[in-house]
Amino acid sequence: PHDGDFPAAEEGNQLRLLAQIDCSQVDFEPFPKS
């Protein structure tokens, strides 16, 4: 988001995106619906 940043480890290095899921595409309990 606009006011956010890359998550980082305590040592300071940014983490890298492994994956992200649009939850509206996953119809499976108890997974989020959106």
PDB file of all heavy atoms in Angstrom:
ATOM      1  N   PRO A   1       0.828  -1.217   0.000  1.00  0.00           N
ATOM      2  CA  PRO A   1       0.000   0.000   0.000  1.00  0.00           C
ATOM      3  C   PRO A   1       0.859   1.263   0.000  1.00  0.00           C
ATOM      4  O   PRO A   1       2.065   1.220   0.254  1.00  0.00           O
ATOM      5  CB  PRO A   1      -0.828  -0.127   1.279  1.00  0.00           C
ATOM      6  CG  PRO A   1      -0.063  -1.060   2.151  1.00  0.00           C
ATOM      7  CD  PRO A   1       0.644  -2.005   1.234  1.00  0.00           C
ATOM      8  N   HIS A   2       0.209   2.392  -0.271  1.00  0.00           N
ATOM      9  CA  HIS A   2       0.921   3.674  -0.353  1.00  0.00           C
ATOM     10  C   HIS A   2       1.772   3.927   0.891  1.00  0.00           C
ATOM     11  O   HIS A   2       2.907   4.395   0.801  1.00  0.00           O
ATOM     12  CB  HIS A   2      -0.072   4.831  -0.522  1.00  0.00           C
ATOM     13  CG  HIS A   2      -0.791   4.839  -1.837  1.00  0.00           C
ATOM     14  ND1 HIS A   2      -0.139   4.911  -3.052  1.00  0.00           N
ATOM     15  CD2 HIS A   2      -2.126   4.810  -2.119  1.00  0.00           C
ATOM     16  CE1 HIS A   2      -1.031   4.917  -4.039  1.00  0.00           C
ATOM     17  NE2 HIS A   2      -2.244   4.853  -3.502  1.00  0.00           N
ATOM     18  N   ASP A   3       1.218   3.651   2.067  1.00  0.00           N
ATOM     19  CA  ASP A   3       1.911   3.968   3.321  1.00  0.00           C
ATOM     20  C   ASP A   3       2.717   2.787   3.852  1.00  0.00           C
ATOM     21  O   ASP A   3       3.179   2.815   4.993  1.00  0.00           O
ATOM     22  CB  ASP A   3       0.913   4.426   4.387  1.00  0.00           C
ATOM     23  CG  ASP A   3      -0.149   3.375   4.688  1.00  0.00           C
ATOM     24  OD1 ASP A   3      -0.201   2.346   3.973  1.00  0.00           O
ATOM     25  OD2 ASP A   3      -0.926   3.571   5.649  1.00  0.00           O
ATOM     26  N   GLY A   4       2.898   1.745   3.033  1.00  0.00           N
ATOM     27  CA  GLY A   4       3.621   0.561   3.469  1.00  0.00           C
ATOM     28  C   GLY A   4       5.007   0.472   2.866  1.00  0.00           C
ATOM     29  O   GLY A   4       5.441   1.338   2.092  1.00  0.00           O
ATOM     30  N   ASP A   5       5.723  -0.566   3.232  1.00  0.00           N
ATOM     31  CA  ASP A   5       7.063  -0.806   2.713  1.00  0.00           C
ATOM     32  C   ASP A   5       7.295  -2.301   2.633  1.00  0.00           C
ATOM     33  O   ASP A   5       6.512  -3.097   3.170  1.00  0.00           O
ATOM     34  CB  ASP A   5       8.117  -0.165   3.622  1.00  0.00           C
ATOM     35  CG  ASP A   5       9.372   0.238   2.854  1.00  0.00           C
ATOM     36  OD1 ASP A   5       9.605  -0.338   1.755  1.00  0.00           O
ATOM     37  OD2 ASP A   5      10.104   1.108   3.327  1.00  0.00           O
ATOM     38  N   PHE A   6       8.379  -2.710   1.998  1.00  0.00           N
ATOM     39  CA  PHE A   6       8.748  -4.111   1.977  1.00  0.00           C
ATOM     40  C   PHE A   6       8.940  -4.588   3.411  1.00  0.00           C
ATOM     41  O   PHE A   6       9.596  -3.893   4.209  1.00  0.00           O
ATOM     42  CB  PHE A   6      10.063  -4.310   1.222  1.00  0.00           C
ATOM     43  CG  PHE A   6       9.939  -4.360  -0.270  1.00  0.00           C
ATOM     44  CD1 PHE A   6       9.735  -3.196  -1.004  1.00  0.00           C
ATOM     45  CD2 PHE A   6      10.024  -5.554  -0.947  1.00  0.00           C
ATOM     46  CE1 PHE A   6       9.626  -3.225  -2.379  1.00  0.00           C
ATOM     47  CE2 PHE A   6       9.919  -5.605  -2.326  1.00  0.00           C
ATOM     48  CZ  PHE A   6       9.709  -4.448  -3.048  1.00  0.00           C
ATOM     49  N   PRO A   7       8.398  -5.750   3.782  1.00  0.00           N
ATOM     50  CA  PRO A   7       8.736  -6.287   5.098  1.00  0.00           C
ATOM     51  C   PRO A   7      10.228  -6.581   5.142  1.00  0.00           C
ATOM     52  O   PRO A   7      10.839  -6.903   4.107  1.00  0.00           O
ATOM     53  CB  PRO A   7       7.899  -7.572   5.183  1.00  0.00           C
ATOM     54  CG  PRO A   7       7.608  -7.944   3.770  1.00  0.00           C
ATOM     55  CD  PRO A   7       7.514  -6.655   3.014  1.00  0.00           C
ATOM     56  N   ALA A   8      10.829  -6.448   6.311  1.00  0.00           N
ATOM     57  CA  ALA A   8      12.269  -6.622   6.434  1.00  0.00           C
ATOM     58  C   ALA A   8      12.601  -7.475   7.650  1.00  0.00           C
ATOM     59  O   ALA A   8      11.863  -7.508   8.639  1.00  0.00           O
ATOM     60  CB  ALA A   8      12.959  -5.261   6.542  1.00  0.00           C
ATOM     61  N   ALA A   9      13.739  -8.170   7.564  1.00  0.00           N
ATOM     62  CA  ALA A   9      14.242  -8.935   8.700  1.00  0.00           C
ATOM     63  C   ALA A   9      14.856  -7.971   9.708  1.00  0.00           C
ATOM     64  O   ALA A   9      15.159  -6.814   9.391  1.00  0.00           O
ATOM     65  CB  ALA A   9      15.275  -9.953   8.236  1.00  0.00           C
ATOM     66  N   GLU A  10      15.047  -8.452  10.918  1.00  0.00           N
ATOM     67  CA  GLU A  10      15.610  -7.608  11.978  1.00  0.00           C
ATOM     68  C   GLU A  10      16.970  -7.058  11.580  1.00  0.00           C
ATOM     69  O   GLU A  10      17.341  -5.941  11.952  1.00  0.00           O
ATOM     70  CB  GLU A  10      15.719  -8.417  13.272  1.00  0.00           C
ATOM     71  CG  GLU A  10      16.184  -7.599  14.460  1.00  0.00           C
ATOM     72  CD  GLU A  10      16.206  -8.411  15.750  1.00  0.00           C
ATOM     73  OE1 GLU A  10      15.807  -9.594  15.718  1.00  0.00           O
ATOM     74  OE2 GLU A  10      16.611  -7.860  16.788  1.00  0.00           O
ATOM     75  N   GLU A  11      17.705  -7.826  10.783  1.00  0.00           N
ATOM     76  CA  GLU A  11      19.038  -7.370  10.360  1.00  0.00           C
ATOM     77  C   GLU A  11      18.957  -6.229   9.352  1.00  0.00           C
ATOM     78  O   GLU A  11      19.966  -5.592   9.053  1.00  0.00           O
ATOM     79  CB  GLU A  11      19.809  -8.537   9.744  1.00  0.00           C
ATOM     80  CG  GLU A  11      19.195  -9.054   8.456  1.00  0.00           C
ATOM     81  CD  GLU A  11      19.965 -10.207   7.837  1.00  0.00           C
ATOM     82  OE1 GLU A  11      20.667 -10.917   8.577  1.00  0.00           O
ATOM     83  OE2 GLU A  11      19.853 -10.379   6.615  1.00  0.00           O
ATOM     84  N   GLY A  12      17.758  -5.975   8.820  1.00  0.00           N
ATOM     85  CA  GLY A  12      17.569  -4.825   7.948  1.00  0.00           C
ATOM     86  C   GLY A  12      17.281  -5.153   6.498  1.00  0.00           C
ATOM     87  O   GLY A  12      16.760  -4.307   5.770  1.00  0.00           O
ATOM     88  N   ASN A  13      17.634  -6.350   6.043  1.00  0.00           N
ATOM     89  CA  ASN A  13      17.414  -6.692   4.643  1.00  0.00           C
ATOM     90  C   ASN A  13      15.934  -6.918   4.359  1.00  0.00           C
ATOM     91  O   ASN A  13      15.227  -7.565   5.139  1.00  0.00           O
ATOM     92  CB  ASN A  13      18.197  -7.953   4.265  1.00  0.00           C
ATOM     93  CG  ASN A  13      19.689  -7.683   4.116  1.00  0.00           C
ATOM     94  OD1 ASN A  13      20.100  -6.735   3.454  1.00  0.00           O
ATOM     95  ND2 ASN A  13      20.499  -8.513   4.745  1.00  0.00           N
ATOM     96  N   GLN A  14      15.481  -6.402   3.234  1.00  0.00           N
ATOM     97  CA  GLN A  14      14.099  -6.607   2.826  1.00  0.00           C
ATOM     98  C   GLN A  14      13.845  -8.076   2.492  1.00  0.00           C
ATOM     99  O   GLN A  14      14.729  -8.775   1.990  1.00  0.00           O
ATOM    100  CB  GLN A  14      13.769  -5.761   1.589  1.00  0.00           C
ATOM    101  CG  GLN A  14      13.724  -4.272   1.832  1.00  0.00           C
ATOM    102  CD  GLN A  14      13.398  -3.506   0.561  1.00  0.00           C
ATOM    103  OE1 GLN A  14      13.507  -4.040  -0.545  1.00  0.00           O
ATOM    104  NE2 GLN A  14      13.006  -2.257   0.695  1.00  0.00           N
ATOM    105  N   LEU A  15      12.625  -8.519   2.760  1.00  0.00           N
ATOM    106  CA  LEU A  15      12.195  -9.846   2.327  1.00  0.00           C
ATOM    107  C   LEU A  15      11.734  -9.756   0.879  1.00  0.00           C
ATOM    108  O   LEU A  15      11.450  -8.677   0.362  1.00  0.00           O
ATOM    109  CB  LEU A  15      11.064 -10.361   3.211  1.00  0.00           C
ATOM    110  CG  LEU A  15      11.294 -10.336   4.728  1.00  0.00           C
ATOM    111  CD1 LEU A  15      10.140 -11.048   5.447  1.00  0.00           C
ATOM    112  CD2 LEU A  15      12.626 -10.948   5.119  1.00  0.00           C
ATOM    113  N   ARG A  16      11.662 -10.913   0.238  1.00  0.00           N
ATOM    114  CA  ARG A  16      11.220 -10.979  -1.153  1.00  0.00           C
ATOM    115  C   ARG A  16       9.913 -11.770  -1.236  1.00  0.00           C
ATOM    116  O   ARG A  16       9.683 -12.705  -0.463  1.00  0.00           O
ATOM    117  CB  ARG A  16      12.289 -11.633  -2.032  1.00  0.00           C
ATOM    118  CG  ARG A  16      13.610 -10.870  -2.032  1.00  0.00           C
ATOM    119  CD  ARG A  16      13.471  -9.510  -2.680  1.00  0.00           C
ATOM    120  NE  ARG A  16      14.708  -8.713  -2.625  1.00  0.00           N
ATOM    121  CZ  ARG A  16      14.801  -7.533  -2.067  1.00  0.00           C
ATOM    122  NH1 ARG A  16      13.750  -6.992  -1.458  1.00  0.00           N
ATOM    123  NH2 ARG A  16      15.933  -6.870  -2.078  1.00  0.00           N
ATOM    124  N   LEU A  17       9.071 -11.409  -2.190  1.00  0.00           N
ATOM    125  CA  LEU A  17       7.764 -12.057  -2.322  1.00  0.00           C
ATOM    126  C   LEU A  17       7.908 -13.481  -2.850  1.00  0.00           C
ATOM    127  O   LEU A  17       8.388 -13.692  -3.969  1.00  0.00           O
ATOM    128  CB  LEU A  17       6.856 -11.262  -3.264  1.00  0.00           C
ATOM    129  CG  LEU A  17       5.442 -11.844  -3.407  1.00  0.00           C
ATOM    130  CD1 LEU A  17       4.628 -11.572  -2.147  1.00  0.00           C
ATOM    131  CD2 LEU A  17       4.740 -11.263  -4.639  1.00  0.00           C
ATOM    132  N   LEU A  18       7.496 -14.438  -2.032  1.00  0.00           N
ATOM    133  CA  LEU A  18       7.418 -15.820  -2.488  1.00  0.00           C
ATOM    134  C   LEU A  18       6.133 -16.024  -3.289  1.00  0.00           C
ATOM    135  O   LEU A  18       6.153 -16.598  -4.376  1.00  0.00           O
ATOM    136  CB  LEU A  18       7.454 -16.776  -1.295  1.00  0.00           C
ATOM    137  CG  LEU A  18       7.375 -18.264  -1.630  1.00  0.00           C
ATOM    138  CD1 LEU A  18       8.645 -18.713  -2.350  1.00  0.00           C
ATOM    139  CD2 LEU A  18       7.165 -19.093  -0.366  1.00  0.00           C
ATOM    140  N   ALA A  19       5.014 -15.545  -2.736  1.00  0.00           N
ATOM    141  CA  ALA A  19       3.724 -15.705  -3.415  1.00  0.00           C
ATOM    142  C   ALA A  19       2.695 -14.766  -2.808  1.00  0.00           C
ATOM    143  O   ALA A  19       2.821 -14.354  -1.656  1.00  0.00           O
ATOM    144  CB  ALA A  19       3.234 -17.144  -3.301  1.00  0.00           C
ATOM    145  N   GLN A  20       1.676 -14.451  -3.599  1.00  0.00           N
ATOM    146  CA  GLN A  20       0.509 -13.760  -3.066  1.00  0.00           C
ATOM    147  C   GLN A  20      -0.730 -14.352  -3.737  1.00  0.00           C
ATOM    148  O   GLN A  20      -0.685 -14.778  -4.900  1.00  0.00           O
ATOM    149  CB  GLN A  20       0.587 -12.249  -3.253  1.00  0.00           C
ATOM    150  CG  GLN A  20       0.452 -11.738  -4.650  1.00  0.00           C
ATOM    151  CD  GLN A  20       0.494 -10.205  -4.719  1.00  0.00           C
ATOM    152  OE1 GLN A  20       0.988  -9.509  -3.828  1.00  0.00           O
ATOM    153  NE2 GLN A  20      -0.027  -9.653  -5.802  1.00  0.00           N
ATOM    154  N   ILE A  21      -1.833 -14.392  -2.973  1.00  0.00           N
ATOM    155  CA  ILE A  21      -3.053 -15.046  -3.434  1.00  0.00           C
ATOM    156  C   ILE A  21      -4.227 -14.085  -3.347  1.00  0.00           C
ATOM    157  O   ILE A  21      -4.482 -13.505  -2.281  1.00  0.00           O
ATOM    158  CB  ILE A  21      -3.342 -16.299  -2.592  1.00  0.00           C
ATOM    159  CG1 ILE A  21      -2.194 -17.308  -2.723  1.00  0.00           C
ATOM    160  CG2 ILE A  21      -4.661 -16.940  -3.001  1.00  0.00           C
ATOM    161  CD1 ILE A  21      -2.304 -18.489  -1.780  1.00  0.00           C
ATOM    162  N   ASP A  22      -4.914 -13.924  -4.462  1.00  0.00           N
ATOM    163  CA  ASP A  22      -6.198 -13.226  -4.472  1.00  0.00           C
ATOM    164  C   ASP A  22      -7.213 -14.217  -3.912  1.00  0.00           C
ATOM    165  O   ASP A  22      -7.622 -15.160  -4.595  1.00  0.00           O
ATOM    166  CB  ASP A  22      -6.550 -12.823  -5.904  1.00  0.00           C
ATOM    167  CG  ASP A  22      -7.928 -12.173  -6.018  1.00  0.00           C
ATOM    168  OD1 ASP A  22      -8.663 -12.124  -5.008  1.00  0.00           O
ATOM    169  OD2 ASP A  22      -8.273 -11.730  -7.127  1.00  0.00           O
ATOM    170  N   CYS A  23      -7.596 -14.024  -2.656  1.00  0.00           N
ATOM    171  CA  CYS A  23      -8.396 -15.019  -1.946  1.00  0.00           C
ATOM    172  C   CYS A  23      -9.766 -15.247  -2.573  1.00  0.00           C
ATOM    173  O   CYS A  23     -10.377 -16.303  -2.360  1.00  0.00           O
ATOM    174  CB  CYS A  23      -8.549 -14.621  -0.479  1.00  0.00           C
ATOM    175  SG  CYS A  23      -6.978 -14.503   0.405  1.00  0.00           S
ATOM    176  N   SER A  24     -10.259 -14.292  -3.341  1.00  0.00           N
ATOM    177  CA  SER A  24     -11.556 -14.472  -3.997  1.00  0.00           C
ATOM    178  C   SER A  24     -11.510 -15.591  -5.030  1.00  0.00           C
ATOM    179  O   SER A  24     -12.557 -16.083  -5.467  1.00  0.00           O
ATOM    180  CB  SER A  24     -12.001 -13.166  -4.664  1.00  0.00           C
ATOM    181  OG  SER A  24     -11.160 -12.831  -5.751  1.00  0.00           O
ATOM    182  N   GLN A  25     -10.298 -16.016  -5.425  1.00  0.00           N
ATOM    183  CA  GLN A  25     -10.152 -17.095  -6.397  1.00  0.00           C
ATOM    184  C   GLN A  25     -10.106 -18.468  -5.742  1.00  0.00           C
ATOM    185  O   GLN A  25     -10.056 -19.477  -6.438  1.00  0.00           O
ATOM    186  CB  GLN A  25      -8.876 -16.882  -7.225  1.00  0.00           C
ATOM    187  CG  GLN A  25      -8.884 -15.609  -8.048  1.00  0.00           C
ATOM    188  CD  GLN A  25      -7.581 -15.428  -8.815  1.00  0.00           C
ATOM    189  OE1 GLN A  25      -6.519 -15.863  -8.379  1.00  0.00           O
ATOM    190  NE2 GLN A  25      -7.678 -14.788  -9.967  1.00  0.00           N
ATOM    191  N   VAL A  26     -10.097 -18.500  -4.404  1.00  0.00           N
ATOM    192  CA  VAL A  26      -9.949 -19.765  -3.680  1.00  0.00           C
ATOM    193  C   VAL A  26     -11.209 -20.035  -2.875  1.00  0.00           C
ATOM    194  O   VAL A  26     -11.452 -19.402  -1.846  1.00  0.00           O
ATOM    195  CB  VAL A  26      -8.708 -19.723  -2.748  1.00  0.00           C
ATOM    196  CG1 VAL A  26      -8.567 -21.041  -1.994  1.00  0.00           C
ATOM    197  CG2 VAL A  26      -7.452 -19.433  -3.548  1.00  0.00           C
ATOM    198  N   ASP A  27     -12.011 -20.971  -3.319  1.00  0.00           N
ATOM    199  CA  ASP A  27     -13.262 -21.335  -2.643  1.00  0.00           C
ATOM    200  C   ASP A  27     -13.008 -22.558  -1.778  1.00  0.00           C
ATOM    201  O   ASP A  27     -13.168 -23.706  -2.215  1.00  0.00           O
ATOM    202  CB  ASP A  27     -14.354 -21.615  -3.684  1.00  0.00           C
ATOM    203  CG  ASP A  27     -15.688 -21.986  -3.049  1.00  0.00           C
ATOM    204  OD1 ASP A  27     -15.854 -21.761  -1.832  1.00  0.00           O
ATOM    205  OD2 ASP A  27     -16.562 -22.519  -3.772  1.00  0.00           O
ATOM    206  N   PHE A  28     -12.573 -22.307  -0.539  1.00  0.00           N
ATOM    207  CA  PHE A  28     -12.153 -23.425   0.311  1.00  0.00           C
ATOM    208  C   PHE A  28     -12.181 -22.992   1.772  1.00  0.00           C
ATOM    209  O   PHE A  28     -11.479 -22.068   2.172  1.00  0.00           O
ATOM    210  CB  PHE A  28     -10.741 -23.863  -0.085  1.00  0.00           C
ATOM    211  CG  PHE A  28     -10.312 -25.184   0.501  1.00  0.00           C
ATOM    212  CD1 PHE A  28     -10.818 -26.367   0.013  1.00  0.00           C
ATOM    213  CD2 PHE A  28      -9.378 -25.225   1.520  1.00  0.00           C
ATOM    214  CE1 PHE A  28     -10.410 -27.585   0.537  1.00  0.00           C
ATOM    215  CE2 PHE A  28      -8.963 -26.429   2.049  1.00  0.00           C
ATOM    216  CZ  PHE A  28      -9.478 -27.619   1.560  1.00  0.00           C
ATOM    217  N   GLU A  29     -12.990 -23.646   2.572  1.00  0.00           N
ATOM    218  CA  GLU A  29     -13.058 -23.329   4.000  1.00  0.00           C
ATOM    219  C   GLU A  29     -11.845 -23.907   4.717  1.00  0.00           C
ATOM    220  O   GLU A  29     -11.415 -25.033   4.407  1.00  0.00           O
ATOM    221  CB  GLU A  29     -14.334 -23.919   4.607  1.00  0.00           C
ATOM    222  CG  GLU A  29     -15.622 -23.301   4.088  1.00  0.00           C
ATOM    223  CD  GLU A  29     -15.802 -21.855   4.531  1.00  0.00           C
ATOM    224  OE1 GLU A  29     -15.144 -21.457   5.517  1.00  0.00           O
ATOM    225  OE2 GLU A  29     -16.590 -21.149   3.895  1.00  0.00           O
ATOM    226  N   PRO A  30     -11.277 -23.170   5.710  1.00  0.00           N
ATOM    227  CA  PRO A  30     -11.670 -21.843   6.212  1.00  0.00           C
ATOM    228  C   PRO A  30     -10.831 -20.711   5.612  1.00  0.00           C
ATOM    229  O   PRO A  30     -10.567 -19.727   6.273  1.00  0.00           O
ATOM    230  CB  PRO A  30     -11.400 -21.992   7.710  1.00  0.00           C
ATOM    231  CG  PRO A  30     -10.177 -22.870   7.759  1.00  0.00           C
ATOM    232  CD  PRO A  30     -10.285 -23.816   6.586  1.00  0.00           C
ATOM    233  N   PHE A  31     -10.394 -20.871   4.357  1.00  0.00           N
ATOM    234  CA  PHE A  31      -9.566 -19.862   3.704  1.00  0.00           C
ATOM    235  C   PHE A  31     -10.366 -18.567   3.550  1.00  0.00           C
ATOM    236  O   PHE A  31     -11.588 -18.614   3.364  1.00  0.00           O
ATOM    237  CB  PHE A  31      -9.121 -20.372   2.333  1.00  0.00           C
ATOM    238  CG  PHE A  31      -7.831 -19.794   1.839  1.00  0.00           C
ATOM    239  CD1 PHE A  31      -6.612 -20.239   2.337  1.00  0.00           C
ATOM    240  CD2 PHE A  31      -7.818 -18.804   0.880  1.00  0.00           C
ATOM    241  CE1 PHE A  31      -5.416 -19.713   1.882  1.00  0.00           C
ATOM    242  CE2 PHE A  31      -6.641 -18.267   0.410  1.00  0.00           C
ATOM    243  CZ  PHE A  31      -5.441 -18.718   0.912  1.00  0.00           C
ATOM    244  N   PRO A  32      -9.732 -17.393   3.633  1.00  0.00           N
ATOM    245  CA  PRO A  32     -10.461 -16.128   3.453  1.00  0.00           C
ATOM    246  C   PRO A  32     -11.191 -16.093   2.117  1.00  0.00           C
ATOM    247  O   PRO A  32     -10.723 -16.654   1.124  1.00  0.00           O
ATOM    248  CB  PRO A  32      -9.348 -15.074   3.501  1.00  0.00           C
ATOM    249  CG  PRO A  32      -8.220 -15.725   4.215  1.00  0.00           C
ATOM    250  CD  PRO A  32      -8.295 -17.171   3.889  1.00  0.00           C
ATOM    251  N   LYS A  33     -12.315 -15.431   2.101  1.00  0.00           N
ATOM    252  CA  LYS A  33     -13.122 -15.352   0.886  1.00  0.00           C
ATOM    253  C   LYS A  33     -12.766 -14.140   0.023  1.00  0.00           C
ATOM    254  O   LYS A  33     -13.199 -14.050  -1.132  1.00  0.00           O
ATOM    255  CB  LYS A  33     -14.610 -15.323   1.251  1.00  0.00           C
ATOM    256  CG  LYS A  33     -15.105 -16.625   1.860  1.00  0.00           C
ATOM    257  CD  LYS A  33     -16.568 -16.534   2.250  1.00  0.00           C
ATOM    258  CE  LYS A  33     -17.113 -17.896   2.673  1.00  0.00           C
ATOM    259  NZ  LYS A  33     -16.345 -18.490   3.776  1.00  0.00           N
ATOM    260  N   SER A  34     -12.020 -13.223   0.580  1.00  0.00           N
ATOM    261  CA  SER A  34     -11.618 -12.031  -0.167  1.00  0.00           C
ATOM    262  C   SER A  34     -10.309 -11.512   0.411  1.00  0.00           C
ATOM    263  O   SER A  34      -9.812 -12.007   1.434  1.00  0.00           O
ATOM    264  CB  SER A  34     -12.709 -10.954  -0.092  1.00  0.00           C
ATOM    265  OG  SER A  34     -12.915 -10.549   1.252  1.00  0.00           O
TER     266      SER A  34
END
